[in-house]
Protein backbone atom coordinates (compact mmCIF):
# COMPACT_ATOMS: atom_id res chain seq x y z
CA MET A 1 91.76 93.43 99.46
CA ASN A 2 89.74 90.74 101.22
CA TRP A 3 92.26 87.93 101.14
CA LYS A 4 89.79 85.39 102.45
CA ASN A 5 87.59 85.80 99.38
CA ASN A 6 90.35 86.04 96.81
CA LYS A 7 91.68 82.57 96.62
CA GLY A 8 89.48 81.33 93.76
CA PHE A 9 88.92 77.85 95.06
CA GLY A 10 85.55 76.18 94.45
CA LYS A 11 83.01 75.28 97.09
CA ALA A 12 83.75 71.64 96.57
CA ASP A 13 87.30 72.09 97.85
CA PRO A 14 87.43 70.06 101.09
CA MET A 15 90.23 72.23 102.51
CA GLN A 16 88.41 75.52 101.97
CA ARG A 17 86.68 75.61 105.33
CA GLU A 18 90.03 75.20 107.10
CA VAL A 19 91.66 77.92 105.00
CA ASP A 20 88.75 80.30 105.68
CA LEU A 21 89.10 79.64 109.40
CA ALA A 22 92.82 80.36 109.22
CA TRP A 23 92.13 83.71 107.52
CA GLU A 24 89.57 84.60 110.14
CA LEU A 25 92.03 83.78 112.89
CA TYR A 26 94.66 85.93 111.20
CA GLU A 27 92.26 88.88 110.93
CA ALA A 28 91.39 88.60 114.68
CA GLN A 29 94.81 87.58 116.06
CA PRO A 30 97.74 87.51 113.51
CA THR A 31 100.02 85.62 115.92
CA ASN A 32 97.61 82.87 116.79
CA PRO A 33 99.63 79.55 116.59
CA GLU A 34 96.63 77.71 115.15
CA ILE A 35 97.19 79.59 111.90
CA ALA A 36 100.48 77.75 111.27
CA ARG A 37 99.02 74.42 112.25
CA ILE A 38 96.10 74.82 109.81
CA ALA A 39 98.42 76.02 107.12
CA ALA A 40 100.72 73.02 107.59
CA ARG A 41 97.76 70.62 107.32
CA VAL A 42 96.47 72.29 104.14
CA LEU A 43 99.88 72.50 102.47
CA ALA A 44 100.71 68.86 103.34
CA GLN A 45 97.82 67.81 101.11
CA GLN A 46 97.94 70.68 98.59
CA PRO A 47 101.57 72.04 98.51
CA ASP A 48 100.90 74.30 95.52
CA ARG A 49 98.19 76.24 97.32
CA ASN A 50 99.97 79.57 97.23
CA GLY A 51 97.12 81.58 98.76
CA THR A 52 97.64 79.59 101.96
CA ARG A 53 101.43 80.04 101.68
CA ILE A 54 100.87 83.83 101.54
CA LEU A 55 98.75 83.56 104.69
CA LEU A 56 101.57 81.64 106.40
CA ALA A 57 104.11 84.33 105.36
CA LYS A 58 101.87 87.03 106.82
CA HIS A 59 101.59 85.06 110.06
CA LEU A 60 105.32 84.61 110.24
CA ARG A 61 105.82 88.37 109.75
CA ALA A 62 103.47 89.01 112.64
CA LEU A 63 105.67 86.72 114.73
CA GLY A 64 108.84 88.69 113.70
CA GLU A 65 110.13 85.85 111.59
CA GLN A 66 110.88 88.08 108.58
CA ASP A 67 113.49 85.82 106.97
CA ARG A 68 111.17 82.76 106.85
CA ALA A 69 108.34 84.96 105.46
CA ARG A 70 110.69 86.36 102.84
CA GLU A 71 111.72 82.89 101.74
CA ILE A 72 108.17 81.75 101.27
CA LEU A 73 107.20 84.83 99.31
CA HIS A 74 110.25 84.49 97.05
CA GLU A 75 109.28 80.89 96.25
CA ILE A 76 105.82 82.14 95.31
CA VAL A 77 106.93 84.94 92.97
CA SER A 78 109.41 82.54 91.32
CA GLN A 79 106.41 80.55 90.02
CA ARG A 80 104.82 83.60 88.29
CA ASP A 81 101.33 82.31 88.84
CA ARG A 82 98.15 84.28 89.70
CA PHE A 83 99.43 84.85 93.20
CA TYR A 84 102.52 86.75 91.99
CA LEU A 85 101.03 90.14 92.48
CA ASN A 86 99.88 89.55 96.04
CA ALA A 87 103.21 87.97 96.98
CA ALA A 88 105.09 90.95 95.41
CA ARG A 89 102.95 93.30 97.55
CA GLU A 90 103.83 91.39 100.60
CA LEU A 91 107.57 91.50 99.78
CA ARG A 92 107.33 95.24 99.17
CA ASP A 93 105.77 95.79 102.58
CA LEU A 94 108.20 93.44 104.29
CA GLU A 95 111.27 95.21 102.84
CA LEU A 96 109.82 98.61 103.76
CA PHE A 97 109.30 97.35 107.26
CA GLU A 98 112.92 96.05 107.36
CA ASP A 99 114.34 99.37 106.00
CA ASN A 100 115.59 97.52 102.92
CA ASN A 101 114.62 100.41 100.74
CA ALA A 102 116.31 99.37 97.50
CA ALA A 103 114.57 96.00 97.57
CA ALA A 104 111.28 97.59 98.59
CA LEU A 105 111.47 99.93 95.68
CA ARG A 106 112.12 97.07 93.26
CA TRP A 107 109.05 95.20 94.47
CA ALA A 108 106.97 98.40 94.45
CA ARG A 109 107.85 98.86 90.85
CA ALA A 110 107.11 95.28 90.03
CA VAL A 111 103.70 95.60 91.61
CA VAL A 112 102.77 98.74 89.65
CA ARG A 113 103.97 97.14 86.45
CA GLU A 114 101.48 94.33 87.09
CA ASP A 115 98.61 96.53 88.17
CA GLN A 116 98.72 100.19 87.12
CA GLU A 117 95.19 100.95 88.15
CA SER A 118 95.69 100.48 91.96
CA ALA A 119 95.92 103.90 93.67
CA ASP A 120 97.23 102.25 96.88
CA ASP A 121 100.07 100.68 94.94
CA VAL A 122 101.00 103.94 93.33
CA ILE A 123 101.13 105.65 96.73
CA GLU A 124 103.22 102.83 98.11
CA LEU A 125 105.59 103.16 95.06
CA GLY A 126 105.88 106.85 95.91
CA ALA A 127 106.74 106.13 99.49
CA ALA A 128 109.32 103.46 98.50
CA THR A 129 110.81 105.82 95.96
CA ALA A 130 111.12 108.69 98.49
CA LEU A 131 112.55 106.32 101.18
CA ALA A 132 115.18 105.10 98.65
CA GLY A 133 116.39 108.71 98.30
CA GLU A 134 114.43 110.02 95.24
CA VAL A 135 112.32 112.24 97.39
CA GLU A 136 110.81 114.67 94.76
CA GLN A 137 109.93 111.82 92.43
CA GLY A 138 108.42 109.89 95.36
CA TRP A 139 106.34 112.80 96.54
CA ASP A 140 105.00 113.41 93.10
CA LEU A 141 104.05 109.73 92.77
CA MET A 142 102.22 109.94 96.06
CA ASP A 143 100.33 113.02 94.84
CA ARG A 144 99.32 111.02 91.77
CA GLY A 145 98.15 108.09 93.85
CA VAL A 146 96.03 110.33 96.07
CA ALA A 147 94.50 111.98 92.95
CA LEU A 148 93.76 108.53 91.50
CA THR A 149 92.08 107.51 94.74
CA ALA A 150 89.93 110.65 94.69
CA SER A 151 88.68 109.83 91.21
CA THR A 152 88.25 106.00 91.50
CA SER A 153 87.48 105.32 95.18
CA PRO A 154 86.71 108.54 97.11
CA ASP A 155 85.65 106.53 100.23
CA ASP A 156 89.30 105.50 100.60
CA LEU A 157 90.76 109.03 100.28
CA GLY A 158 91.25 109.46 103.99
CA ALA A 159 93.34 106.32 104.25
CA ALA A 160 95.36 107.44 101.22
CA TYR A 161 96.14 110.76 102.91
CA LEU A 162 97.21 108.91 106.05
CA THR A 163 99.66 106.75 104.10
CA GLN A 164 100.94 109.84 102.27
CA ALA A 165 101.35 111.86 105.46
CA ILE A 166 103.42 109.12 107.18
CA ALA A 167 105.65 108.67 104.12
CA LEU A 168 106.12 112.55 103.85
CA PHE A 169 107.07 112.67 107.47
CA GLN A 170 109.55 109.78 107.17
CA THR A 171 111.30 111.41 104.13
CA PHE A 172 111.86 114.92 105.62
CA ALA A 173 109.21 116.54 103.42
CA PRO A 174 108.99 120.28 104.12
CA PRO A 175 106.16 121.24 106.50
CA GLU A 176 104.29 123.11 103.80
CA ARG A 177 104.04 119.96 101.76
CA PHE A 178 103.21 117.75 104.77
CA ILE A 179 100.42 119.89 106.13
CA LYS A 180 97.76 119.20 103.47
CA ALA A 181 98.09 115.40 103.81
CA ALA A 182 98.43 115.57 107.59
CA GLU A 183 95.30 117.68 107.96
CA GLN A 184 93.29 115.14 106.06
CA ALA A 185 94.93 112.23 107.83
CA VAL A 186 94.07 113.63 111.30
CA HIS A 187 90.43 113.56 110.28
CA VAL A 188 90.79 109.86 109.59
CA ASP A 189 92.67 109.00 112.78
CA PRO A 190 92.44 111.88 115.32
CA THR A 191 94.39 109.89 117.95
CA SER A 192 97.52 109.36 115.78
CA GLU A 193 100.43 111.17 117.41
CA PHE A 194 102.46 109.99 114.42
CA VAL A 195 100.63 112.55 112.34
CA GLY A 196 99.09 114.97 114.85
CA VAL A 197 102.31 115.93 116.69
CA PRO A 198 104.37 116.78 113.58
CA LEU A 199 101.32 118.58 112.20
CA ALA A 200 101.39 120.89 115.20
CA TRP A 201 105.12 121.53 114.65
CA SER A 202 104.38 122.19 110.95
CA TYR A 203 101.83 124.80 111.91
CA MET A 204 104.37 126.50 114.12
CA HIS A 205 106.96 126.29 111.30
CA GLU A 206 104.55 128.21 109.18
CA GLY A 207 103.89 130.75 111.96
CA ARG A 208 100.39 129.38 112.63
CA PHE A 209 100.70 129.29 116.39
CA ASP A 210 96.94 129.57 117.13
CA GLU A 211 96.24 126.52 114.96
CA ALA A 212 99.03 124.59 116.57
CA GLU A 213 97.73 125.33 120.04
CA GLU A 214 94.15 124.39 119.08
CA LEU A 215 95.23 121.15 117.51
CA CYS A 216 97.29 120.13 120.58
CA ARG A 217 94.40 120.87 122.91
CA ARG A 218 92.00 118.90 120.79
CA LEU A 219 94.41 115.90 120.63
CA LEU A 220 94.81 116.06 124.37
CA ARG A 221 91.04 115.97 124.94
CA ILE A 222 91.09 112.69 123.03
CA ASP A 223 94.15 111.39 124.91
CA PRO A 224 95.05 113.44 128.02
CA THR A 225 98.00 111.11 128.82
CA ASN A 226 99.92 111.65 125.60
CA GLU A 227 103.29 113.04 126.60
CA LEU A 228 104.41 114.16 123.13
CA GLN A 229 101.31 116.22 122.63
CA SER A 230 101.70 117.69 126.13
CA SER A 231 105.33 118.62 125.40
CA VAL A 232 104.33 120.37 122.18
CA LEU A 233 101.71 122.43 123.96
CA GLY A 234 104.21 123.19 126.69
CA VAL A 235 106.62 124.60 124.12
CA ILE A 236 103.87 126.67 122.48
CA MET A 237 102.83 128.23 125.82
CA ALA A 238 106.47 128.91 126.78
CA TRP A 239 107.11 130.71 123.61
CA ARG A 240 103.89 132.72 123.98
CA GLY A 241 105.00 133.58 127.53
CA ALA A 242 108.38 134.82 126.30
CA VAL A 243 106.62 136.93 123.68
CA GLU A 244 104.20 138.41 126.24
CA LYS A 245 107.16 139.42 128.49
CA GLY A 246 108.84 141.15 125.60
CA VAL A 247 111.81 138.79 125.65
CA THR A 248 111.43 137.92 121.95
CA THR A 249 108.87 137.76 119.19
CA LEU A 250 107.28 134.83 117.43
CA ALA A 251 108.94 136.02 114.20
CA GLU A 252 112.37 135.98 115.89
CA ILE A 253 111.75 132.50 117.27
CA HIS A 254 110.70 131.25 113.82
CA ASP A 255 113.56 133.01 111.96
CA ALA A 256 116.16 131.65 114.43
CA GLY A 257 115.37 128.12 113.30
CA VAL A 258 114.12 127.00 116.76
CA VAL A 259 110.85 125.74 115.24
CA THR A 260 112.61 123.70 112.68
CA MET A 261 114.88 122.17 115.28
CA ALA A 262 111.87 121.30 117.44
CA TRP A 263 110.00 119.81 114.52
CA THR A 264 113.06 117.70 113.57
CA ASP A 265 113.43 116.53 117.16
CA ALA A 266 109.79 115.50 117.38
CA ARG A 267 110.16 113.56 114.16
CA ALA A 268 113.24 111.84 115.43
CA LYS A 269 111.56 110.80 118.65
CA ILE A 270 108.56 109.32 116.81
CA LEU A 271 110.81 107.43 114.41
CA GLY A 272 113.18 106.21 117.16
CA ILE A 273 116.21 108.03 115.75
CA ASP A 274 116.60 110.70 118.37
CA LEU A 275 119.49 111.39 120.73
CA ALA A 276 117.99 109.26 123.59
CA SER A 277 117.57 106.27 121.29
CA ALA A 278 121.10 106.64 120.05
CA LEU A 279 122.44 106.71 123.57
CA ALA A 280 120.39 103.61 124.51
CA GLU A 281 121.83 101.69 121.63
CA LEU A 282 125.33 102.97 122.36
CA GLU A 283 125.07 101.72 125.92
CA ARG A 284 124.54 98.29 124.54
CA VAL A 285 127.49 98.22 122.04
CA MET A 286 130.26 100.49 123.44
CA PRO A 287 133.60 99.02 124.40
CA ALA A 288 134.23 98.14 128.04
CA ASP A 289 137.08 100.65 128.47
CA LEU A 290 134.89 103.54 127.29
CA ARG A 291 132.04 102.34 129.53
CA ALA A 292 134.52 102.38 132.49
CA ALA A 293 135.61 105.90 131.75
CA LEU A 294 132.02 107.30 131.73
CA ARG A 295 130.56 108.32 135.02
CA PRO A 296 127.21 107.21 136.48
CA PRO A 297 124.02 108.94 135.38
CA ALA A 298 122.88 112.18 136.99
CA ASP A 299 119.61 112.11 138.91
CA ALA A 300 116.61 113.68 137.17
CA GLU A 301 116.67 116.84 139.29
CA SER A 302 120.39 117.60 138.59
CA ALA A 303 119.87 116.85 134.84
CA ASN A 304 116.86 119.12 134.60
CA ALA A 305 118.67 121.91 136.40
CA SER A 306 121.67 121.88 134.07
CA PRO A 307 121.71 123.89 130.84
CA GLY A 308 123.29 120.79 129.19
CA GLU A 309 121.53 118.03 127.27
CA ARG A 310 119.26 116.20 129.74
CA ASP A 311 119.41 113.01 127.75
CA ILE A 312 123.17 112.86 127.95
CA ALA A 313 123.31 113.71 131.70
CA THR A 314 120.76 110.98 132.55
CA TRP A 315 122.78 108.58 130.43
CA HIS A 316 126.23 109.29 131.89
CA ASP A 317 127.04 112.37 133.76
CA GLY A 318 130.56 113.15 132.45
CA GLN A 319 133.70 111.24 131.55
CA GLU A 320 137.08 110.93 133.17
CA PRO A 321 139.62 113.54 131.89
CA GLY A 322 142.14 112.27 129.38
CA THR A 323 139.91 109.45 128.07
CA GLY A 324 138.50 111.20 125.01
CA SER A 325 140.58 108.95 122.60
CA LEU A 326 138.38 106.02 123.69
CA TRP A 327 135.71 107.24 121.27
CA GLY A 328 138.00 106.20 118.47
CA GLY A 329 139.99 107.89 115.62
CA ASP A 330 141.55 111.26 116.36
CA TRP A 331 138.84 112.26 118.82
CA THR A 332 140.10 113.81 122.06
CA PHE A 333 136.96 115.10 123.54
CA ARG A 334 135.31 113.71 126.68
CA VAL A 335 131.73 114.06 127.91
CA MET A 336 131.18 117.06 130.27
CA SER A 337 129.22 116.68 133.46
CA ALA A 338 126.00 118.61 134.14
CA GLN A 339 127.84 120.60 136.82
CA GLU A 340 130.77 121.47 134.53
CA ILE A 341 128.27 122.87 131.94
CA THR A 342 126.36 124.82 134.61
CA VAL A 343 129.61 126.43 135.89
CA MET A 344 130.66 127.31 132.35
CA ASP A 345 127.28 128.84 131.49
CA GLU A 346 127.27 130.93 134.64
CA ALA A 347 130.68 132.32 133.83
CA ILE A 348 129.63 133.27 130.31
CA GLU A 349 126.44 134.96 131.58
CA ALA A 350 128.43 136.88 134.25
CA ASP A 351 130.97 138.25 131.77
CA PRO A 352 129.88 137.72 128.12
CA GLU A 353 132.69 139.99 126.76
CA ALA A 354 135.22 137.59 128.07
CA PHE A 355 133.64 134.81 125.99
CA PRO A 356 133.20 136.28 122.47
CA GLN A 357 132.72 132.89 120.84
CA TRP A 358 129.75 132.12 123.03
CA PRO A 359 126.87 134.52 121.99
CA GLN A 360 123.66 134.57 124.00
CA THR A 361 120.96 135.25 121.36
CA VAL A 362 118.14 132.83 120.42
CA ALA A 363 119.62 132.47 116.96
CA ASP A 364 122.95 131.43 118.39
CA TYR A 365 121.50 128.63 120.59
CA TYR A 366 124.10 126.06 121.67
CA VAL A 367 124.60 123.33 124.25
CA GLN A 368 127.94 122.04 125.39
CA VAL A 369 128.47 118.31 125.29
CA MET A 370 132.18 117.51 125.38
CA THR A 371 135.52 119.24 126.07
CA ASP A 372 139.15 118.42 125.17
CA ASP A 373 140.22 120.16 128.41
CA ALA A 374 142.34 122.57 126.27
CA GLY A 375 139.76 125.19 125.37
CA GLY A 376 137.98 123.09 122.69
CA TYR A 377 134.37 122.09 122.97
CA PHE A 378 131.96 119.78 121.12
CA ILE A 379 128.54 121.44 121.00
CA GLY A 380 125.06 121.09 119.51
CA THR A 381 123.44 124.08 117.76
CA ILE A 382 120.13 124.68 116.12
CA SER A 383 121.45 123.41 112.74
CA ASP A 384 124.28 120.97 113.39
CA ALA A 385 126.94 119.54 115.74
CA LEU A 386 130.37 121.18 115.73
CA VAL A 387 133.69 121.66 117.41
CA ARG A 388 134.46 125.13 118.73
CA ARG A 389 138.02 126.23 119.58
CA PRO A 390 139.37 129.64 120.62
CA GLY A 391 140.38 131.85 117.72
CA LEU A 392 139.30 129.26 115.07
CA PRO A 393 136.19 128.95 112.87
CA ASP A 394 133.62 126.44 114.06
CA GLU A 395 134.07 122.96 112.44
CA VAL A 396 130.88 121.13 111.66
CA VAL A 397 131.37 117.38 112.40
CA ALA A 398 127.76 116.01 112.14
CA PRO A 399 124.23 117.16 111.13
CA SER A 400 123.12 116.89 114.71
CA LEU A 401 124.15 115.50 118.14
CA ALA A 402 121.90 112.54 117.56
CA ASP A 403 123.70 111.82 114.21
CA TRP A 404 127.10 112.04 115.89
CA PHE A 405 126.14 109.51 118.52
CA TRP A 406 124.43 107.25 115.95
CA ASP A 407 127.70 107.31 114.00
CA ARG A 408 129.46 106.08 117.18
CA VAL A 409 126.87 103.31 117.43
CA VAL A 410 127.72 102.19 113.91
CA ALA A 411 131.47 102.43 114.54
CA PHE A 412 131.06 100.12 117.53
CA GLY A 413 129.11 97.52 115.54
CA GLY A 414 125.58 98.54 116.51
CA LYS A 415 122.51 98.80 114.30
CA ASP A 416 121.85 102.11 112.58
CA ALA A 417 118.20 102.97 113.14
CA ARG A 418 118.51 105.88 110.71
CA LYS A 419 118.38 103.58 107.65
CA GLY A 420 115.81 104.75 105.18
CA THR A 421 115.30 108.21 106.84
CA GLY A 422 117.54 110.25 104.57
CA SER A 423 119.06 110.32 101.11
CA THR A 424 120.86 107.34 99.58
CA ARG A 425 123.19 109.51 97.58
CA ARG A 426 126.54 107.67 97.39
CA GLU A 427 129.71 109.51 98.45
CA SER A 428 133.30 108.60 98.96
CA THR A 429 133.83 106.82 102.18
CA GLY A 430 137.49 107.31 102.46
CA ASP A 431 137.88 103.55 102.42
CA VAL A 432 139.63 102.41 99.21
CA THR A 433 137.83 99.07 98.99
CA ALA A 434 134.46 100.52 99.82
CA ASP A 435 134.95 103.28 97.26
CA ALA A 436 135.96 100.62 94.63
CA TRP A 437 132.62 98.84 95.20
CA ILE A 438 130.70 102.11 94.85
CA GLN A 439 132.52 102.89 91.56
CA PHE A 440 131.93 99.38 90.26
CA GLU A 441 128.22 99.58 91.08
CA GLU A 442 127.93 102.89 89.18
CA ARG A 443 129.90 101.48 86.15
CA LEU A 444 127.78 98.31 86.15
CA ALA A 445 124.48 100.35 86.16
CA GLN A 446 125.80 102.28 83.15
CA GLY A 447 127.08 99.12 81.38
CA LEU A 448 123.76 97.27 81.70
CA SER A 449 122.21 99.64 79.10
CA LEU A 450 124.56 97.94 76.55
CA VAL A 451 123.18 94.48 77.26
CA THR A 452 120.58 94.72 74.48
CA ASP A 453 118.62 92.02 72.60
CA ARG A 454 120.62 88.89 72.02
CA THR A 455 123.44 90.16 74.20
CA PHE A 456 125.00 88.16 77.07
CA LEU A 457 127.34 89.28 79.83
CA VAL A 458 129.01 87.21 82.52
CA ILE A 459 130.97 88.86 85.38
CA SER A 460 132.90 86.37 87.44
CA VAL A 461 135.94 85.58 89.44
CA PRO A 462 138.20 83.34 87.23
CA ASP A 463 138.21 79.70 88.22
CA ASP A 464 135.57 80.39 90.93
CA SER A 465 131.92 79.75 91.41
CA ARG A 466 131.11 83.40 92.22
CA TYR A 467 129.48 85.23 89.29
CA VAL A 468 126.56 87.34 88.08
CA GLN A 469 125.33 87.11 84.53
CA PHE A 470 122.89 88.87 82.22
CA ALA A 471 120.85 88.03 79.13
CA GLY A 472 119.29 90.81 77.07
CA ALA A 473 116.06 90.39 75.19
CA ALA A 474 113.90 92.78 73.17
CA ASP A 475 111.57 93.45 76.01
CA ARG A 476 113.57 92.73 79.20
CA LEU A 477 116.91 92.13 80.85
CA ASP A 478 117.28 88.86 82.80
CA ALA A 479 119.90 88.59 85.54
CA GLU A 480 121.23 85.65 87.63
CA ALA A 481 123.53 85.33 90.65
CA SER A 482 125.34 82.03 91.15
CA GLY A 483 123.35 79.47 93.03
CA ILE A 484 126.34 77.21 93.77
CA VAL A 485 128.49 79.35 96.04
CA VAL A 486 129.33 77.38 99.12
CA GLY A 487 128.57 79.38 102.29
CA ALA A 488 126.69 82.10 100.50
CA ASP A 489 124.53 84.16 102.86
CA GLU A 490 121.03 83.57 101.45
CA ARG A 491 119.47 86.14 103.72
CA VAL A 492 121.46 88.84 102.01
CA LEU A 493 120.30 87.68 98.56
CA MET A 494 116.65 87.51 99.59
CA ALA A 495 116.76 90.91 101.30
CA ALA A 496 118.31 92.38 98.15
CA GLY A 497 115.35 91.15 96.03
CA TRP A 498 116.78 88.05 94.28
CA THR A 499 114.36 85.17 93.71
CA ARG A 500 115.81 81.98 95.09
CA PRO A 501 116.74 79.01 92.94
CA GLY A 502 113.87 76.67 92.05
CA THR A 503 112.43 74.32 89.45
CA PHE A 504 113.17 76.67 86.54
CA SER A 505 116.68 77.82 87.40
CA PRO A 506 119.60 76.61 89.62
CA ASN A 507 120.54 80.29 90.17
CA TRP A 508 119.16 83.30 91.97
CA THR A 509 117.18 85.32 89.41
CA THR A 510 115.51 88.60 88.62
CA SER A 511 114.28 90.46 85.54
CA ILE A 512 113.79 94.08 84.41
CA PRO A 513 111.46 95.18 81.70
CA ARG A 514 113.40 96.95 79.01
CA HIS A 515 111.29 100.15 79.01
CA VAL A 516 112.17 100.91 82.68
CA LEU A 517 115.83 99.78 82.51
CA GLY A 518 117.13 103.29 83.22
CA SER A 519 115.65 103.53 86.78
CA ASP A 520 115.86 99.84 87.61
CA ALA A 521 119.45 99.39 86.39
CA THR A 522 120.75 101.18 89.48
CA ASP A 523 118.77 98.82 91.71
CA LEU A 524 120.02 95.79 89.74
CA ALA A 525 123.64 96.91 89.98
CA ARG A 526 123.22 97.31 93.73
CA MET A 527 121.67 93.79 93.93
CA CYS A 528 124.72 92.41 92.13
CA VAL A 529 127.16 94.19 94.39
CA GLU A 530 125.29 92.89 97.46
CA ALA A 531 125.41 89.37 96.05
CA LEU A 532 129.16 89.47 95.24
CA ARG A 533 130.37 91.45 98.20
CA ASP A 534 127.99 90.64 101.02
CA SER A 535 126.62 87.19 100.24
CA PHE A 536 129.55 85.62 98.30
CA ALA A 537 132.22 87.44 100.45
CA LEU A 538 134.20 88.81 97.57
CA ALA A 539 136.74 91.21 99.12
CA SER A 540 137.12 93.56 96.13
CA PRO A 541 135.75 94.06 92.63
CA ASP A 542 139.34 94.09 91.43
CA ALA A 543 139.15 90.26 91.27
CA LEU A 544 136.29 90.34 88.72
CA ARG A 545 136.57 89.76 84.93
CA TYR A 546 133.94 89.75 82.24
CA SER A 547 133.01 88.11 79.03
CA ALA A 548 130.32 89.35 76.72
CA TRP A 549 128.92 88.48 73.31
CA ARG A 550 125.96 89.17 71.01
CA ASN A 551 124.33 86.33 69.20
CA ARG A 552 123.64 86.77 65.49
CA GLU A 553 120.20 87.77 64.44
CA GLU A 554 117.95 84.98 63.07
CA VAL A 555 115.08 85.13 60.63
CA PRO A 556 111.80 85.00 62.60
CA PRO A 557 110.25 81.52 62.62
CA GLY A 558 107.82 80.92 59.70
CA GLN A 559 109.31 83.70 57.51
CA THR A 560 111.36 83.47 54.40
CA TRP A 561 113.69 86.36 53.52
CA SER A 562 115.45 87.28 50.29
CA ALA A 563 119.20 87.11 49.97
CA GLU A 564 119.34 90.86 49.97
CA ARG A 565 117.29 91.13 53.14
CA LEU A 566 119.32 88.38 54.75
CA ARG A 567 122.36 90.58 54.43
CA THR A 568 120.76 93.12 56.72
CA LEU A 569 120.76 90.71 59.66
CA ASP A 570 123.10 91.56 62.49
CA PRO A 571 125.99 89.02 62.43
CA GLY A 572 126.51 89.38 66.11
CA GLN A 573 129.83 89.94 67.88
CA ASP A 574 132.11 87.63 69.93
CA PRO A 575 133.83 88.88 71.94
CA LEU A 576 131.82 92.02 72.69
CA ILE A 577 133.97 94.75 74.30
CA LEU A 578 132.27 96.78 77.10
CA PRO A 579 134.80 99.31 78.39
CA ALA A 580 132.12 101.07 80.48
CA LEU A 581 132.43 98.25 83.00
CA GLY A 582 135.93 99.12 83.93
CA LEU A 583 136.89 95.44 84.11
CA GLN A 584 139.42 93.25 82.32
CA SER A 585 137.93 90.73 79.84
CA ASN A 586 138.45 87.01 80.21
């Protein structure tokens, strides 16, 4: 969309020239400070000019001021004017960028409800749906959006494939599903390593080694300095060399899962969720006593010579014996040095029969990471990260080494870069309070289906300002979160998708069309939990109580009914009992 020509102001508008200039500046340099100065001058004279406010929000996003941009956009959507759709699109994109996938999905749905003919919006809805954990549904929606693009605006088909390919990649789509979109996307942007590199791995995953090699060489002709593309080509040539020497076959390499592991690693590097990224974040947040127990990094030559993980060796080359407990919990393992791993591997190779738990085939690939100095080892394999002890079955402790170290980052209070890259399926956490909130969220999502026309539900803390409330209508379900809670974290509420209080309501608000209540009820329940728990600082849902009622049905205005027909009117019910909520009533 050409924003500059979509504001609908007449030529006589004295501010139009300034607004046009601001848009031109944004298109050329989104962070130009003159944009904010022009927007301030225009809005000082015409504060209701929401097109200019959208421009200001986009400028703030470019500056990294996401919270300020979100606040402006929420103010716009609360007015429900002709700028609602564009503001909702901006909120969708902002929340996707921030990995607030539940909120992004809500805004993506809102956009498509407003404009069901936009192929781009359908593709974005698919991406948001997949990133929120409903991957098959999301992928199908993206397919539908691409098909719609092909029939309505074929000139935009390449860009549609590019958006689809990126979303498929981000949501762990299988290579066979990724390839079609990626092939088309590479034609649009041949320099994109974000698509080109995983496409090469996908070819290898399908056993199409010649195509993978040809693609890598073509991409390198475009950008000879690209390290990721060079590394992919290096792996291909190494595997071909092993095959030529009779060490293995391409089929054996493929069947062993090595290709899948490499494809996953490449994806992780591009998305910034790989092992090296986890270690970098861990370095920033780990406790001082753990830092003191870890040894200095190995030099590049020593790290490369070791059969251990190079990323770990160049981060810290080992850990003092007896300090494994510093990782937290019941963990007793410490980081091994590159030299320790080298010595161990040499012993295994010299006498494999003495080490029956350490096979040497491609399919049994492993790398040692930690030891408890009592015969136990923490290792990475092709498929997962596990603990191996003599005479005992292997114990899987994480999906990968990167995941194990990211979990440590989270445990030490760091930011989890993996948000939005996997499923959002809710499981028991082992924490009683956390599980109580999960259960309440699930019950609330179920109970909202009972808030039908003329039905009202208030969930609150007795004698407290913290509450959420709902009003059912024939065509929608309206929801509010208290706008009078002292100390409420407004950033949480805005990120969750609530519209801030304004002229029409003193509370935070949202609304769900009745015909999509089933899918949106889960999101609304999550929004309510985030409001109560995270913004209003409610420790446990056990403190909550509810009151509910259904108003009596009225004769429609302008109609006169017979006495017999009047008897068919619903008399209502007060109180209305909703056991599905699992709460005590007031």
